[in-house]
Amino acid sequence: MEYVALYRKYRPDTFDKILGQESVTKILKNQIKNGKISHAYIFSGSRGTGKTSAAKVFARAINCLNPHDGEPCNECEVCKNIMNSNITDVVEMDAASNNSVENIRQIRQEVQYATVDVKYRVYIIDEAHMLTTSAFNALLKTLEEPPKNVVFILATTEQHKIPVTILSRCLRFEFNRLSDDMLVSNLKYVLEQEKIDYDEEACKYIAKLADGGMRDALSILERCIFESDKKLTYEDVINIVGLTHKDVINKISNAILNYDAILAVSTIDELIKKSVDLRQLTTQLTENFLEILINSNESQKQRIINIIDRLSKLDNDIRLTTRPAIVLKSSIIGMCNNFSESTNLESNDTKNTNENNVLMQKISILENKILQLEKQKQHSVTNVIPREVKINNNEKKQNIASQDFDKSSLNKFENMEELKKLVIDAQKLKLYSALNYIDIYFNDTQMYIITQNSFAYDILKLKESIDTLKNIFIEKYSLNLDMILKFENSEESSEVNLEKYLKDKNIKYTNLD
C-alpha cells in the first residue's frame, strides 16, 4: 500500500476537525446552511493553520448531495470524487508556479461554461500573493462579476502583498496560529493512532518548534518517528532535529548576563564543532532571553531588551554573511562587555530609586569577572613594578623599598566591610574590587596597605584611589597618616592584569570609574 505523509493522512475532512479556527468555520457553515455563498474568499494566515484544508472542505460542502449542518457528508458520489480529484470543476492551483497572466486568462475562459457534475465550480488558488501584477489585473474583472456558479478561494500567507483592488472584492478570513496545547493534543492523537509510545515532553517540544502550524508539527513528528527507537523521547527530538539542549542555551545566556565572554564564546565553539545551525541557535537564545525578560527585575529589563534586539538583528546578519561563526561570536562578545546597557534608566525620577541596585549588580559582575580571569592563569605579570610606594600628606611619591616593618607591632584595620561600602558610595568600582585583595595595618604615624595582587596594586597606586582612601580615613576614622602601598610577590599564584588581558584579547570594555 502506498505510504501517505502524516499531514495528508490526518488532514481535516470536516469543519469541526479544523483546530483553532472556530470563528472562521462557524461563519462558513452558516453561509452553507443558509445558501448565501459569496463569489470570492481570501483565507490568510501563517503556514499550516488550515487554510487549504478549509478551502477543500468548503468546496465539498457547497456541492455535497447530503450536507448536514453545513458539513459535507464525505460519503456521496460528489464528495468522494472531489476528495479523489476526479471532478474537473474543482480546481486547486498553485500560484507560485502558475502565476502568469496566461494562467488567469485560461480561468477566464473556463468560467464561461456551465459545470458538468457539480453545482459550483470552485477555484482554490494557493499562495495567491505570488501572482504577478498582470495576472491580478486579468483576474480583477472576473473576480468582481463572476458567473453565479463560480467561487474563488485565494489562500495566502502574505495578505499584504495582494492588491487592495482584489482584497476589496473578497470576503476575508484570518486563520490564527494554533496554541501549543492544541498542537500537543493532536500530536498525541496521531501517535496513539499510529500505535507509537511517546514522552509528553517530546510532544511539547515539537509543538514549540512548529510555531503554531499543524503541518510543521506533523512533519517534524514524522521525521522523529522514522529516526527514533521504539519510543519517542525528548532527547530523540533534540538530537534528530539538530537543536541545542536547553542546558547549553541557559549556559550561554547566563554567561552573557554575567559579562563572561570567555565562557560564552568557548561554549559556542563547542557547538560549532558539532555543526549546530547557528541561525537556529540564535533563535533559541532569543526565545530564552524572552523567558528571562518576563521574570527579570526592573534593573535588568533594559539590558535584556537590548540583548533581544541584538539577537533579532543577528539572525539576518548570519543569513547574509559568508562567515556566520565570526559574526555570531563578535556579537556575543559585544553583549558580554557592554556595561553601559545596564545603566540606561528611563528618567531622572527612576535613576535615584534604581541607582543602588544597578551599582550592586555591576559590582557583583566585576568581582566574578576578576575571579574568572585570574583562574585562567594564561598570562603572568612580567613587567617590573615598584614594590613599595609612599604617599605623604603633600601627595609626593617616594621609593622606600629599603624600609621594613613588623606587622605584629601594628594595628590591623578591621572595618573592611564598612570601608568597602564607603567606596561604593563614592562610586569607585575598580577601587572596591581592589579592596578584596588587600590588608591594612597602621600605627600612630603611618598606614600600610599590603597586597599580593597585581590588579589591586595597579588600581591602588593611582592618585585618585589614594585620594579617595585618604578622604575616607580622615572624614570617617580621623586617621591622617602617611600611606605606604606595599606589593608582596607570591610565588604560588600567577596574577592576571584585567585591563591587559582585555586589551590582549581585543575585547572592548568600559572604564567604570
Protein backbone atom coordinates (compact mmCIF):
# COMPACT_ATOMS: atom_id res chain seq x y z
CA MET A 1 0.00 0.00 0.00
CA GLU A 2 1.27 3.46 -0.90
CA TYR A 3 2.62 5.44 2.07
CA VAL A 4 0.84 8.71 2.83
CA ALA A 5 2.56 11.50 4.75
CA LEU A 6 1.11 12.20 8.19
CA TYR A 7 -0.04 15.74 7.37
CA ARG A 8 -2.01 14.35 4.40
CA LYS A 9 -3.27 11.28 6.23
CA TYR A 10 -4.65 13.35 9.10
CA ARG A 11 -5.84 16.35 7.07
CA PRO A 12 -9.23 17.55 8.42
CA ASP A 13 -12.16 16.42 6.25
CA THR A 14 -14.86 18.45 8.06
CA PHE A 15 -15.04 21.94 9.54
CA ASP A 16 -15.31 20.56 13.08
CA LYS A 17 -11.92 18.84 12.71
CA ILE A 18 -10.13 22.07 11.78
CA LEU A 19 -8.41 23.08 15.02
CA GLY A 20 -8.30 26.60 16.40
CA GLN A 21 -10.37 28.31 13.69
CA GLU A 22 -13.87 28.10 15.19
CA SER A 23 -14.78 31.70 14.35
CA VAL A 24 -14.00 31.10 10.67
CA THR A 25 -15.66 27.70 10.32
CA LYS A 26 -18.82 28.89 12.10
CA ILE A 27 -19.38 31.65 9.51
CA LEU A 28 -18.66 29.32 6.58
CA LYS A 29 -21.08 26.69 7.91
CA ASN A 30 -23.82 29.31 8.40
CA GLN A 31 -23.36 30.53 4.82
CA ILE A 32 -23.72 26.97 3.53
CA LYS A 33 -26.80 26.26 5.67
CA ASN A 34 -28.49 29.49 4.54
CA GLY A 35 -27.46 29.10 0.91
CA LYS A 36 -25.71 32.50 0.92
CA ILE A 37 -22.45 31.66 -0.81
CA SER A 38 -20.10 34.53 -1.65
CA HIS A 39 -18.33 34.59 -5.02
CA ALA A 40 -14.80 35.16 -3.64
CA TYR A 41 -12.94 34.45 -0.40
CA ILE A 42 -9.49 35.15 0.94
CA PHE A 43 -8.10 32.76 3.55
CA SER A 44 -4.98 34.33 5.07
CA GLY A 45 -2.70 33.30 7.91
CA SER A 46 0.61 31.65 8.73
CA ARG A 47 1.56 28.31 7.22
CA GLY A 48 -0.03 25.09 8.44
CA THR A 49 -3.07 26.67 10.10
CA GLY A 50 -5.72 25.01 7.93
CA LYS A 51 -6.35 27.43 5.03
CA THR A 52 -6.17 24.89 2.21
CA SER A 53 -7.96 22.24 4.29
CA ALA A 54 -10.82 24.66 4.97
CA ALA A 55 -11.00 25.54 1.25
CA LYS A 56 -11.28 21.85 0.30
CA VAL A 57 -13.94 21.17 2.92
CA PHE A 58 -15.86 24.25 1.73
CA ALA A 59 -15.68 23.09 -1.91
CA ARG A 60 -17.19 19.72 -0.93
CA ALA A 61 -19.78 21.21 1.41
CA ILE A 62 -21.32 23.57 -1.18
CA ASN A 63 -21.52 20.71 -3.72
CA CYS A 64 -22.46 17.87 -1.34
CA LEU A 65 -25.65 15.94 -2.17
CA ASN A 66 -26.41 15.28 1.51
CA PRO A 67 -24.95 18.14 3.59
CA HIS A 68 -25.56 18.10 7.34
CA ASP A 69 -25.44 21.28 9.41
CA GLY A 70 -23.15 22.94 6.87
CA GLU A 71 -20.75 19.98 6.78
CA PRO A 72 -20.05 17.71 3.78
CA CYS A 73 -21.14 14.11 4.22
CA ASN A 74 -17.95 12.77 2.58
CA GLU A 75 -19.99 9.71 1.58
CA CYS A 76 -21.90 10.80 -1.52
CA GLU A 77 -20.54 10.37 -5.02
CA VAL A 78 -19.72 14.07 -5.39
CA CYS A 79 -17.78 14.25 -2.11
CA LYS A 80 -15.79 11.12 -2.93
CA ASN A 81 -14.97 12.32 -6.44
CA ILE A 82 -13.80 15.71 -5.15
CA MET A 83 -11.66 14.03 -2.46
CA ASN A 84 -10.12 11.78 -5.14
CA SER A 85 -9.60 14.74 -7.55
CA ASN A 86 -11.88 13.14 -10.15
CA ILE A 87 -14.00 16.25 -10.79
CA THR A 88 -12.65 18.88 -13.14
CA ASP A 89 -14.93 21.61 -11.80
CA VAL A 90 -12.98 21.83 -8.51
CA VAL A 91 -9.56 23.18 -9.41
CA GLU A 92 -6.65 23.61 -7.00
CA MET A 93 -3.93 25.82 -8.47
CA ASP A 94 -0.50 26.70 -7.09
CA ALA A 95 0.10 30.37 -7.82
CA ALA A 96 3.81 30.01 -7.04
CA SER A 97 4.30 28.04 -10.29
CA ASN A 98 1.20 29.20 -12.21
CA ASN A 99 1.41 32.92 -11.68
CA SER A 100 1.41 34.31 -15.23
CA VAL A 101 -1.34 36.23 -16.97
CA GLU A 102 -1.84 33.28 -19.34
CA ASN A 103 -2.90 31.04 -16.45
CA ILE A 104 -5.53 33.57 -15.38
CA ARG A 105 -6.78 34.03 -18.94
CA GLN A 106 -7.40 30.30 -19.09
CA ILE A 107 -9.54 30.59 -15.96
CA ARG A 108 -11.49 33.48 -17.52
CA GLN A 109 -12.34 31.29 -20.48
CA GLU A 110 -13.36 28.29 -18.36
CA VAL A 111 -15.79 30.20 -16.14
CA GLN A 112 -17.99 30.97 -19.13
CA TYR A 113 -19.05 27.32 -19.41
CA ALA A 114 -21.60 25.54 -17.25
CA THR A 115 -20.48 22.98 -14.70
CA VAL A 116 -20.79 19.28 -15.54
CA ASP A 117 -21.04 17.24 -12.33
CA VAL A 118 -21.42 19.78 -9.51
CA LYS A 119 -23.42 22.85 -8.61
CA TYR A 120 -20.43 25.17 -8.10
CA ARG A 121 -17.14 25.43 -9.96
CA VAL A 122 -14.51 26.21 -7.31
CA TYR A 123 -11.01 27.62 -7.90
CA ILE A 124 -8.65 27.23 -4.93
CA ILE A 125 -5.56 29.38 -5.58
CA ASP A 126 -2.76 28.59 -3.11
CA GLU A 127 -0.05 31.19 -2.39
CA ALA A 128 -2.18 33.79 -4.18
CA HIS A 129 0.24 36.59 -3.31
CA MET A 130 2.69 35.07 -5.84
CA LEU A 131 0.54 36.11 -8.81
CA THR A 132 2.11 38.79 -10.98
CA THR A 133 0.62 42.26 -11.28
CA SER A 134 -0.60 41.44 -14.80
CA ALA A 135 -2.21 38.25 -13.52
CA PHE A 136 -4.03 40.15 -10.76
CA ASN A 137 -5.25 42.69 -13.30
CA ALA A 138 -6.52 39.89 -15.54
CA LEU A 139 -8.34 38.31 -12.60
CA LEU A 140 -9.86 41.55 -11.39
CA LYS A 141 -12.94 41.77 -13.63
CA THR A 142 -13.75 38.07 -13.38
CA LEU A 143 -13.39 38.22 -9.60
CA GLU A 144 -15.73 41.20 -9.41
CA GLU A 145 -18.55 39.75 -11.54
CA PRO A 146 -18.11 36.00 -11.95
CA PRO A 147 -20.92 33.72 -13.13
CA LYS A 148 -23.31 32.69 -10.33
CA ASN A 149 -21.96 29.16 -10.16
CA VAL A 150 -18.27 30.10 -9.74
CA VAL A 151 -16.46 30.52 -6.38
CA PHE A 152 -12.88 31.73 -5.94
CA ILE A 153 -10.88 30.92 -2.79
CA LEU A 154 -7.50 32.65 -2.53
CA ALA A 155 -5.21 31.22 0.17
CA THR A 156 -2.18 33.27 1.18
CA THR A 157 0.41 33.63 3.93
CA GLU A 158 1.14 37.25 2.95
CA GLN A 159 -2.13 39.11 2.55
CA HIS A 160 -0.37 42.48 2.45
CA LYS A 161 1.08 41.59 -0.97
CA ILE A 162 -2.36 41.21 -2.55
CA PRO A 163 -3.60 44.40 -4.29
CA VAL A 164 -6.28 46.38 -2.48
CA THR A 165 -8.49 46.13 -5.56
CA ILE A 166 -8.56 42.35 -5.09
CA LEU A 167 -8.98 42.47 -1.32
CA SER A 168 -12.00 44.78 -1.58
CA ARG A 169 -13.83 42.24 -3.78
CA CYS A 170 -13.35 39.26 -1.46
CA LEU A 171 -14.74 38.06 1.86
CA ARG A 172 -11.69 37.84 4.09
CA PHE A 173 -10.96 35.34 6.86
CA GLU A 174 -7.88 35.37 9.10
CA PHE A 175 -6.57 31.98 10.27
CA ASN A 176 -4.81 32.12 13.64
CA ARG A 177 -1.75 30.24 14.79
CA LEU A 178 -2.62 27.17 16.82
CA SER A 179 -1.81 27.14 20.53
CA ASP A 180 0.79 24.71 21.85
CA ASP A 181 -1.93 22.87 23.79
CA MET A 182 -3.89 22.25 20.58
CA LEU A 183 -0.78 21.02 18.79
CA VAL A 184 0.20 18.72 21.66
CA SER A 185 -3.31 17.27 21.82
CA ASN A 186 -3.34 16.49 18.10
CA LEU A 187 0.20 15.06 18.17
CA LYS A 188 -0.82 12.69 20.96
CA TYR A 189 -3.86 11.64 18.94
CA VAL A 190 -1.72 10.88 15.88
CA LEU A 191 0.85 8.93 17.92
CA GLU A 192 -1.90 6.89 19.54
CA GLN A 193 -3.46 6.16 16.15
CA GLU A 194 -0.05 5.10 14.84
CA LYS A 195 0.48 2.97 17.98
CA ILE A 196 3.75 4.69 18.97
CA ASP A 197 4.87 5.21 22.59
CA TYR A 198 5.95 8.73 23.46
CA ASP A 199 7.01 11.13 26.20
CA GLU A 200 4.77 14.13 26.71
CA GLU A 201 7.85 16.39 26.81
CA ALA A 202 8.68 15.29 23.25
CA CYS A 203 5.23 16.36 22.05
CA LYS A 204 5.51 19.69 23.85
CA TYR A 205 8.87 20.44 22.28
CA ILE A 206 7.67 19.51 18.78
CA ALA A 207 4.69 21.82 19.31
CA LYS A 208 7.06 24.63 20.30
CA LEU A 209 9.20 24.07 17.20
CA ALA A 210 6.11 24.11 14.96
CA ASP A 211 5.39 27.75 15.88
CA GLY A 212 1.62 27.40 15.63
CA GLY A 213 1.49 25.33 12.43
CA MET A 214 -0.07 21.87 12.45
CA ARG A 215 1.55 20.83 9.18
CA ASP A 216 5.01 21.69 10.51
CA ALA A 217 4.28 19.80 13.73
CA LEU A 218 3.27 16.65 11.84
CA SER A 219 6.27 16.92 9.50
CA ILE A 220 8.68 17.16 12.45
CA LEU A 221 6.88 14.30 14.18
CA GLU A 222 7.14 12.13 11.08
CA ARG A 223 10.88 12.63 10.84
CA CYS A 224 11.33 11.85 14.53
CA ILE A 225 9.26 8.66 14.21
CA PHE A 226 11.45 7.41 11.35
CA GLU A 227 14.75 8.08 13.16
CA SER A 228 13.89 7.25 16.78
CA ASP A 229 13.71 3.87 18.51
CA LYS A 230 10.53 2.24 19.74
CA LYS A 231 9.62 5.19 21.99
CA LEU A 232 9.70 8.87 21.04
CA THR A 233 11.56 10.84 23.74
CA TYR A 234 12.56 14.44 24.31
CA GLU A 235 16.22 13.58 23.76
CA ASP A 236 15.32 11.96 20.41
CA VAL A 237 13.66 15.18 19.25
CA ILE A 238 16.67 17.29 20.31
CA ASN A 239 19.17 15.00 18.55
CA ILE A 240 17.13 14.40 15.39
CA VAL A 241 16.13 18.00 14.74
CA GLY A 242 19.68 19.19 15.49
CA LEU A 243 18.79 21.64 18.22
CA THR A 244 20.91 22.73 21.15
CA HIS A 245 19.98 21.33 24.54
CA LYS A 246 18.21 23.69 26.92
CA ASP A 247 21.02 23.40 29.48
CA VAL A 248 23.57 24.66 26.94
CA ILE A 249 21.30 27.56 25.94
CA ASN A 250 20.99 28.51 29.62
CA LYS A 251 24.78 28.29 29.98
CA ILE A 252 25.36 30.74 27.12
CA SER A 253 22.57 33.06 28.33
CA ASN A 254 23.96 33.18 31.87
CA ALA A 255 27.45 33.85 30.52
CA ILE A 256 26.13 36.83 28.56
CA LEU A 257 24.25 38.17 31.59
CA ASN A 258 27.39 37.79 33.73
CA TYR A 259 29.59 39.51 31.11
CA ASP A 260 31.62 36.30 30.74
CA ALA A 261 32.73 36.46 27.09
CA ILE A 262 35.26 33.65 27.54
CA LEU A 263 32.67 31.09 28.68
CA ALA A 264 30.08 32.20 26.10
CA VAL A 265 32.46 32.03 23.14
CA SER A 266 34.09 28.75 24.21
CA THR A 267 30.63 27.15 24.53
CA ILE A 268 29.67 28.39 21.07
CA ASP A 269 32.94 27.00 19.69
CA GLU A 270 31.97 23.57 21.04
CA LEU A 271 28.59 23.82 19.28
CA ILE A 272 30.22 24.89 16.01
CA LYS A 273 32.38 21.75 16.13
CA LYS A 274 29.14 19.75 16.34
CA SER A 275 27.81 21.54 13.20
CA VAL A 276 24.93 23.21 15.04
CA ASP A 277 22.78 25.52 12.89
CA LEU A 278 23.84 28.99 14.09
CA ARG A 279 20.60 30.64 12.97
CA GLN A 280 18.64 28.09 14.97
CA LEU A 281 20.97 28.70 17.91
CA THR A 282 20.27 32.43 17.66
CA THR A 283 16.54 31.75 17.61
CA GLN A 284 16.80 29.57 20.71
CA LEU A 285 18.83 32.24 22.53
CA THR A 286 16.24 34.87 21.61
CA GLU A 287 13.41 32.72 22.94
CA ASN A 288 15.36 32.01 26.13
CA PHE A 289 16.01 35.71 26.78
CA LEU A 290 12.30 36.41 26.24
CA GLU A 291 11.58 33.96 29.06
CA ILE A 292 14.28 35.62 31.20
CA LEU A 293 12.79 39.06 30.50
CA ILE A 294 9.42 38.02 31.91
CA ASN A 295 11.00 37.02 35.24
CA SER A 296 13.65 39.77 35.44
CA ASN A 297 13.71 42.71 37.83
CA GLU A 298 13.50 46.34 36.75
CA SER A 299 17.26 46.94 36.86
CA GLN A 300 17.83 44.13 34.33
CA LYS A 301 14.96 44.68 31.91
CA GLN A 302 16.58 47.32 29.71
CA ARG A 303 19.74 45.31 29.17
CA ILE A 304 17.80 42.13 28.35
CA ILE A 305 15.64 44.08 25.89
CA ASN A 306 18.82 45.35 24.22
CA ILE A 307 20.18 41.78 24.02
CA ILE A 308 16.94 40.51 22.43
CA ASP A 309 17.08 43.36 19.92
CA ARG A 310 20.67 42.44 19.00
CA LEU A 311 19.82 38.75 18.63
CA SER A 312 16.85 39.56 16.39
CA LYS A 313 19.08 41.54 14.04
CA LEU A 314 21.81 38.92 14.31
CA ASP A 315 19.65 36.28 12.61
CA ASN A 316 19.56 38.35 9.42
CA ASP A 317 23.29 39.17 9.64
CA ILE A 318 24.14 35.46 9.89
CA ARG A 319 21.92 34.70 6.91
CA LEU A 320 23.70 37.23 4.71
CA THR A 321 27.33 36.63 5.72
CA THR A 322 29.78 34.02 4.45
CA ARG A 323 31.41 33.79 7.92
CA PRO A 324 28.47 33.26 10.30
CA ALA A 325 30.63 31.98 13.19
CA ILE A 326 32.68 35.20 13.31
CA VAL A 327 29.57 37.38 13.16
CA LEU A 328 27.91 35.41 15.94
CA LYS A 329 30.92 35.37 18.27
CA SER A 330 31.76 39.05 17.78
CA SER A 331 28.15 39.98 18.61
CA ILE A 332 28.15 37.77 21.71
CA ILE A 333 31.42 39.38 22.92
CA GLY A 334 29.83 42.80 22.39
CA MET A 335 26.86 41.79 24.53
CA CYS A 336 29.17 40.47 27.24
CA ASN A 337 31.27 43.63 27.53
CA ASN A 338 28.78 46.47 27.21
CA PHE A 339 28.43 47.63 30.81
CA SER A 340 26.61 50.82 29.80
CA GLU A 341 23.45 48.98 28.77
CA SER A 342 22.56 48.20 32.36
CA THR A 343 22.60 51.88 33.34
CA ASN A 344 20.13 53.08 30.72
CA LEU A 345 17.48 54.25 33.15
CA GLU A 346 14.33 55.78 31.78
CA SER A 347 14.10 59.03 33.75
CA ASN A 348 15.68 61.11 36.49
CA ASP A 349 12.92 60.04 38.86
CA THR A 350 13.75 56.35 38.49
CA LYS A 351 17.52 56.98 38.49
CA ASN A 352 17.76 57.66 42.21
CA THR A 353 15.49 54.72 43.04
CA ASN A 354 17.40 52.15 40.97
CA GLU A 355 20.94 53.52 41.34
CA ASN A 356 21.96 51.27 44.22
CA ASN A 357 20.53 48.13 42.57
CA VAL A 358 22.36 48.83 39.32
CA LEU A 359 25.58 49.64 41.18
CA MET A 360 25.48 46.44 43.23
CA GLN A 361 24.74 44.42 40.10
CA LYS A 362 27.79 45.90 38.34
CA ILE A 363 29.98 45.27 41.39
CA SER A 364 28.94 41.61 41.56
CA ILE A 365 29.57 41.20 37.84
CA LEU A 366 33.00 42.81 38.08
CA GLU A 367 34.03 40.62 41.01
CA ASN A 368 33.00 37.47 39.14
CA LYS A 369 34.86 38.65 36.07
CA ILE A 370 38.08 39.24 38.01
CA LEU A 371 37.91 35.85 39.70
CA GLN A 372 37.27 34.07 36.38
CA LEU A 373 40.14 35.84 34.66
CA GLU A 374 42.55 35.08 37.49
CA LYS A 375 41.61 31.41 37.40
CA GLN A 376 42.58 31.21 33.72
CA LYS A 377 46.29 31.62 34.63
CA GLN A 378 47.07 32.18 30.97
CA HIS A 379 49.12 35.37 31.39
CA SER A 380 51.53 36.18 34.19
CA VAL A 381 52.64 39.67 35.02
CA THR A 382 56.13 40.09 33.55
CA ASN A 383 56.63 43.84 33.77
CA VAL A 384 58.69 45.15 36.70
CA ILE A 385 56.66 47.34 39.04
CA PRO A 386 57.67 49.23 42.18
CA ARG A 387 57.49 47.08 45.27
CA GLU A 388 56.62 49.90 47.62
CA VAL A 389 55.30 53.44 47.27
CA LYS A 390 54.89 56.04 49.99
CA ILE A 391 52.43 58.88 49.67
CA ASN A 392 52.78 61.57 52.33
CA ASN A 393 50.23 64.22 53.19
CA ASN A 394 51.61 66.51 50.46
CA GLU A 395 50.82 63.81 47.86
CA LYS A 396 54.52 63.30 46.91
CA LYS A 397 55.56 59.78 45.92
CA GLN A 398 58.85 58.27 47.16
CA ASN A 399 60.55 54.90 46.68
CA ILE A 400 61.13 53.43 50.13
CA ALA A 401 61.80 49.82 49.18
CA SER A 402 64.54 49.59 51.80
CA GLN A 403 62.10 50.22 54.62
CA ASP A 404 60.76 47.22 56.53
CA PHE A 405 58.30 46.82 59.38
CA ASP A 406 56.96 44.31 61.84
CA LYS A 407 53.26 43.55 61.39
CA SER A 408 52.97 42.36 64.98
CA SER A 409 53.75 45.87 66.20
CA LEU A 410 50.92 47.40 64.17
CA ASN A 411 47.16 47.57 64.47
CA LYS A 412 45.21 45.74 61.79
CA PHE A 413 42.34 47.69 60.24
CA GLU A 414 39.19 45.66 60.99
CA ASN A 415 36.43 47.73 59.33
CA MET A 416 36.97 46.50 55.76
CA GLU A 417 33.27 45.90 55.06
CA GLU A 418 32.39 49.40 56.16
CA LEU A 419 35.27 50.78 54.08
CA LYS A 420 34.00 48.90 51.02
CA LYS A 421 30.54 50.39 51.47
CA LEU A 422 32.01 53.89 51.67
CA VAL A 423 33.96 53.24 48.46
CA ILE A 424 30.75 52.02 46.78
CA ASP A 425 29.01 55.21 47.86
CA ALA A 426 31.84 57.11 46.17
CA GLN A 427 31.11 55.02 43.02
CA LYS A 428 34.70 53.81 42.68
CA LEU A 429 34.02 50.30 41.44
CA LYS A 430 37.56 49.29 40.49
CA LEU A 431 38.85 50.52 43.85
CA TYR A 432 36.13 48.46 45.56
CA SER A 433 37.33 45.34 43.71
CA ALA A 434 40.93 46.07 44.70
CA LEU A 435 39.94 46.18 48.37
CA ASN A 436 39.10 42.47 48.21
CA TYR A 437 42.83 41.69 47.82
CA ILE A 438 44.46 43.89 50.48
CA ASP A 439 45.28 44.05 54.18
CA ILE A 440 45.66 47.34 56.07
CA TYR A 441 47.92 47.93 59.11
CA PHE A 442 48.60 51.24 60.93
CA ASN A 443 50.30 52.91 63.87
CA ASP A 444 50.42 56.49 65.12
CA THR A 445 52.26 57.87 62.08
CA GLN A 446 51.86 55.52 59.12
CA MET A 447 49.34 53.25 57.38
CA TYR A 448 50.46 50.21 55.35
CA ILE A 449 48.31 48.86 52.50
CA ILE A 450 49.63 45.41 51.54
CA THR A 451 48.61 43.31 48.52
CA GLN A 452 49.87 40.30 46.57
CA ASN A 453 47.52 41.00 43.68
CA SER A 454 48.91 42.93 40.70
CA PHE A 455 45.48 44.11 39.60
CA ALA A 456 44.79 45.55 43.06
CA TYR A 457 48.24 47.17 43.13
CA ASP A 458 47.72 48.87 39.75
CA ILE A 459 44.41 50.34 40.95
CA LEU A 460 45.62 51.39 44.39
CA LYS A 461 48.74 53.19 43.18
CA LEU A 462 46.61 55.64 41.17
CA LYS A 463 46.42 59.13 42.65
CA GLU A 464 42.63 59.20 42.59
CA SER A 465 42.49 55.91 44.53
CA ILE A 466 44.85 57.21 47.23
CA ASP A 467 42.88 60.47 47.40
CA THR A 468 39.62 58.57 47.85
CA LEU A 469 41.04 56.42 50.65
CA LYS A 470 42.71 59.36 52.41
CA ASN A 471 39.47 61.36 52.39
CA ILE A 472 37.53 58.41 53.81
CA PHE A 473 40.09 57.73 56.57
CA ILE A 474 40.24 61.41 57.55
CA GLU A 475 36.48 62.08 57.49
CA LYS A 476 35.23 58.74 58.84
CA TYR A 477 38.06 57.50 61.09
CA SER A 478 40.05 60.69 61.81
CA LEU A 479 43.24 58.98 60.59
CA ASN A 480 45.50 61.50 58.83
CA LEU A 481 48.51 59.22 58.25
CA ASP A 482 51.25 58.70 55.68
CA MET A 483 50.11 55.86 53.40
CA ILE A 484 52.55 53.17 52.28
CA LEU A 485 51.46 50.81 49.49
CA LYS A 486 53.43 47.54 49.51
CA PHE A 487 53.35 44.86 46.76
CA GLU A 488 54.41 41.43 48.03
CA ASN A 489 55.06 38.94 45.24
CA SER A 490 53.51 35.48 45.72
CA GLU A 491 55.23 32.56 44.03
CA GLU A 492 52.15 30.40 44.37
CA SER A 493 49.89 32.50 42.19
CA SER A 494 50.08 33.87 38.69
CA GLU A 495 48.14 37.11 38.69
CA VAL A 496 46.22 38.47 35.74
CA ASN A 497 46.02 42.15 34.94
CA LEU A 498 42.37 42.70 33.91
CA GLU A 499 42.91 45.61 31.55
CA LYS A 500 45.96 44.00 29.93
CA TYR A 501 44.04 40.76 29.44
CA LEU A 502 41.09 42.57 27.80
CA LYS A 503 43.43 44.53 25.53
CA ASP A 504 45.33 41.37 24.52
CA LYS A 505 42.02 39.76 23.58
CA ASN A 506 40.81 42.88 21.72
CA ILE A 507 37.76 42.97 23.99
CA LYS A 508 36.09 46.34 24.41
CA TYR A 509 35.43 47.43 27.98
CA THR A 510 34.10 50.47 29.82
CA ASN A 511 36.16 52.50 32.31
CA LEU A 512 33.88 52.03 35.28
CA ASP A 513 35.36 54.77 37.40
